[in-house]
């Protein structure tokens, strides 16, 4: 049996600038993204904060009352090695990415 810790990776992404929230929803649920679960609050380009929750290929994006700091934060869990191309170093910058949805 392979220990779970060796099968999964997690990434915590913090953003200083507002994000394209619908694009993140598409990116997180894209085929072959490697994402199993994601959750966070992002400040959108519209200035509102949005709760983003992903399970597999399903995403829920709902408005929230409290404001996200900066551009918000996402916690992403997926299969080890499968997420690097999607959420690796390119996506972990302090300024925060605007994803390139496929």
Protein backbone atom coordinates (compact mmCIF):
# COMPACT_ATOMS: atom_id res chain seq x y z
CA UNK A 1 0.00 0.00 0.00
CA UNK A 2 1.29 3.46 -0.95
CA UNK A 3 0.99 6.11 1.79
CA UNK A 4 -1.50 8.87 0.88
CA UNK A 5 1.09 11.60 1.44
CA UNK A 6 3.15 10.22 -1.42
CA UNK A 7 0.15 10.22 -3.80
CA UNK A 8 -1.09 13.80 -3.36
CA UNK A 9 0.25 17.35 -3.58
CA UNK A 10 -1.21 20.55 -2.24
CA UNK A 11 -0.58 24.13 -3.26
CA UNK A 12 -1.49 27.30 -1.40
CA UNK A 13 -1.70 30.27 -3.74
CA UNK A 14 -2.00 33.87 -2.50
CA UNK A 15 -2.65 36.75 -4.82
CA UNK A 16 -1.97 40.46 -4.45
CA UNK A 17 -4.16 41.54 -7.36
CA UNK A 18 -7.78 40.78 -8.30
CA UNK A 19 -8.29 37.59 -10.31
CA UNK A 20 -10.40 36.46 -13.25
CA UNK A 21 -12.62 34.21 -11.11
CA UNK A 22 -14.54 32.47 -13.95
CA UNK A 23 -11.22 31.67 -15.64
CA UNK A 24 -9.97 30.06 -12.41
CA UNK A 25 -13.15 27.97 -12.31
CA UNK A 26 -12.48 26.72 -15.83
CA UNK A 27 -8.79 26.12 -15.12
CA UNK A 28 -9.42 24.16 -11.92
CA UNK A 29 -12.01 21.88 -13.57
CA UNK A 30 -10.22 21.40 -16.90
CA UNK A 31 -9.60 17.82 -18.03
CA UNK A 32 -6.12 16.67 -17.03
CA UNK A 33 -5.68 19.51 -14.52
CA UNK A 34 -4.89 16.94 -11.82
CA UNK A 35 -7.07 18.85 -9.35
CA UNK A 36 -9.14 16.75 -6.96
CA UNK A 37 -10.23 19.53 -4.58
CA UNK A 38 -9.82 23.29 -4.33
CA UNK A 39 -11.22 25.92 -2.03
CA UNK A 40 -10.62 29.59 -1.44
CA UNK A 41 -11.87 33.13 -1.62
CA UNK A 42 -10.80 35.27 -4.56
CA UNK A 43 -11.36 38.94 -5.20
CA UNK A 44 -12.66 39.27 -8.72
CA UNK A 45 -11.89 41.89 -11.32
CA UNK A 46 -15.31 43.33 -10.41
CA UNK A 47 -14.07 44.10 -6.86
CA UNK A 48 -16.35 41.51 -5.22
CA UNK A 49 -15.12 38.47 -3.30
CA UNK A 50 -16.10 34.98 -4.40
CA UNK A 51 -15.99 31.61 -2.63
CA UNK A 52 -14.52 29.06 -5.05
CA UNK A 53 -15.01 25.36 -4.30
CA UNK A 54 -14.02 22.54 -6.63
CA UNK A 55 -14.51 18.79 -6.36
CA UNK A 56 -13.24 16.97 -9.42
CA UNK A 57 -14.77 18.57 -12.50
CA UNK A 58 -17.51 20.39 -10.55
CA UNK A 59 -17.08 23.98 -9.42
CA UNK A 60 -19.20 26.23 -7.25
CA UNK A 61 -18.52 29.98 -7.34
CA UNK A 62 -20.66 32.01 -4.94
CA UNK A 63 -20.46 35.62 -3.72
CA UNK A 64 -19.35 36.16 -0.12
CA UNK A 65 -19.90 39.14 2.17
CA UNK A 66 -16.40 39.54 3.58
CA UNK A 67 -13.68 40.94 1.34
CA UNK A 68 -10.68 38.87 0.38
CA UNK A 69 -7.31 40.40 1.22
CA UNK A 70 -5.43 41.41 -1.89
CA UNK A 71 -6.56 39.10 -4.65
CA UNK A 72 -7.42 36.24 -2.31
CA UNK A 73 -6.13 32.74 -1.70
CA UNK A 74 -6.69 29.24 -3.09
CA UNK A 75 -5.78 25.86 -1.59
CA UNK A 76 -5.52 23.15 -4.24
CA UNK A 77 -5.14 19.38 -3.70
CA UNK A 78 -4.44 16.94 -6.49
CA UNK A 79 -2.47 13.96 -7.65
CA UNK A 80 1.28 14.24 -7.08
CA UNK A 81 3.04 15.37 -10.22
CA UNK A 82 -0.15 15.94 -12.19
CA UNK A 83 -0.67 19.57 -11.14
CA UNK A 84 2.81 21.00 -11.74
CA UNK A 85 2.14 21.98 -15.37
CA UNK A 86 -1.15 23.58 -14.38
CA UNK A 87 -0.32 25.18 -11.01
CA UNK A 88 3.43 24.88 -10.59
CA UNK A 89 5.90 27.71 -10.36
CA UNK A 90 4.16 29.69 -13.11
CA UNK A 91 1.10 30.06 -10.91
CA UNK A 92 2.62 30.63 -7.50
CA UNK A 93 4.02 34.13 -7.90
CA UNK A 94 3.42 36.68 -5.16
CA UNK A 95 1.66 39.02 -7.57
CA UNK A 96 -0.69 36.28 -8.62
CA UNK A 97 -1.56 34.97 -12.03
CA UNK A 98 -4.50 35.50 -14.23
CA UNK A 99 -4.90 31.94 -15.53
CA UNK A 100 -4.75 31.08 -19.18
CA UNK A 101 -7.93 28.99 -19.45
CA UNK A 102 -7.89 26.16 -21.95
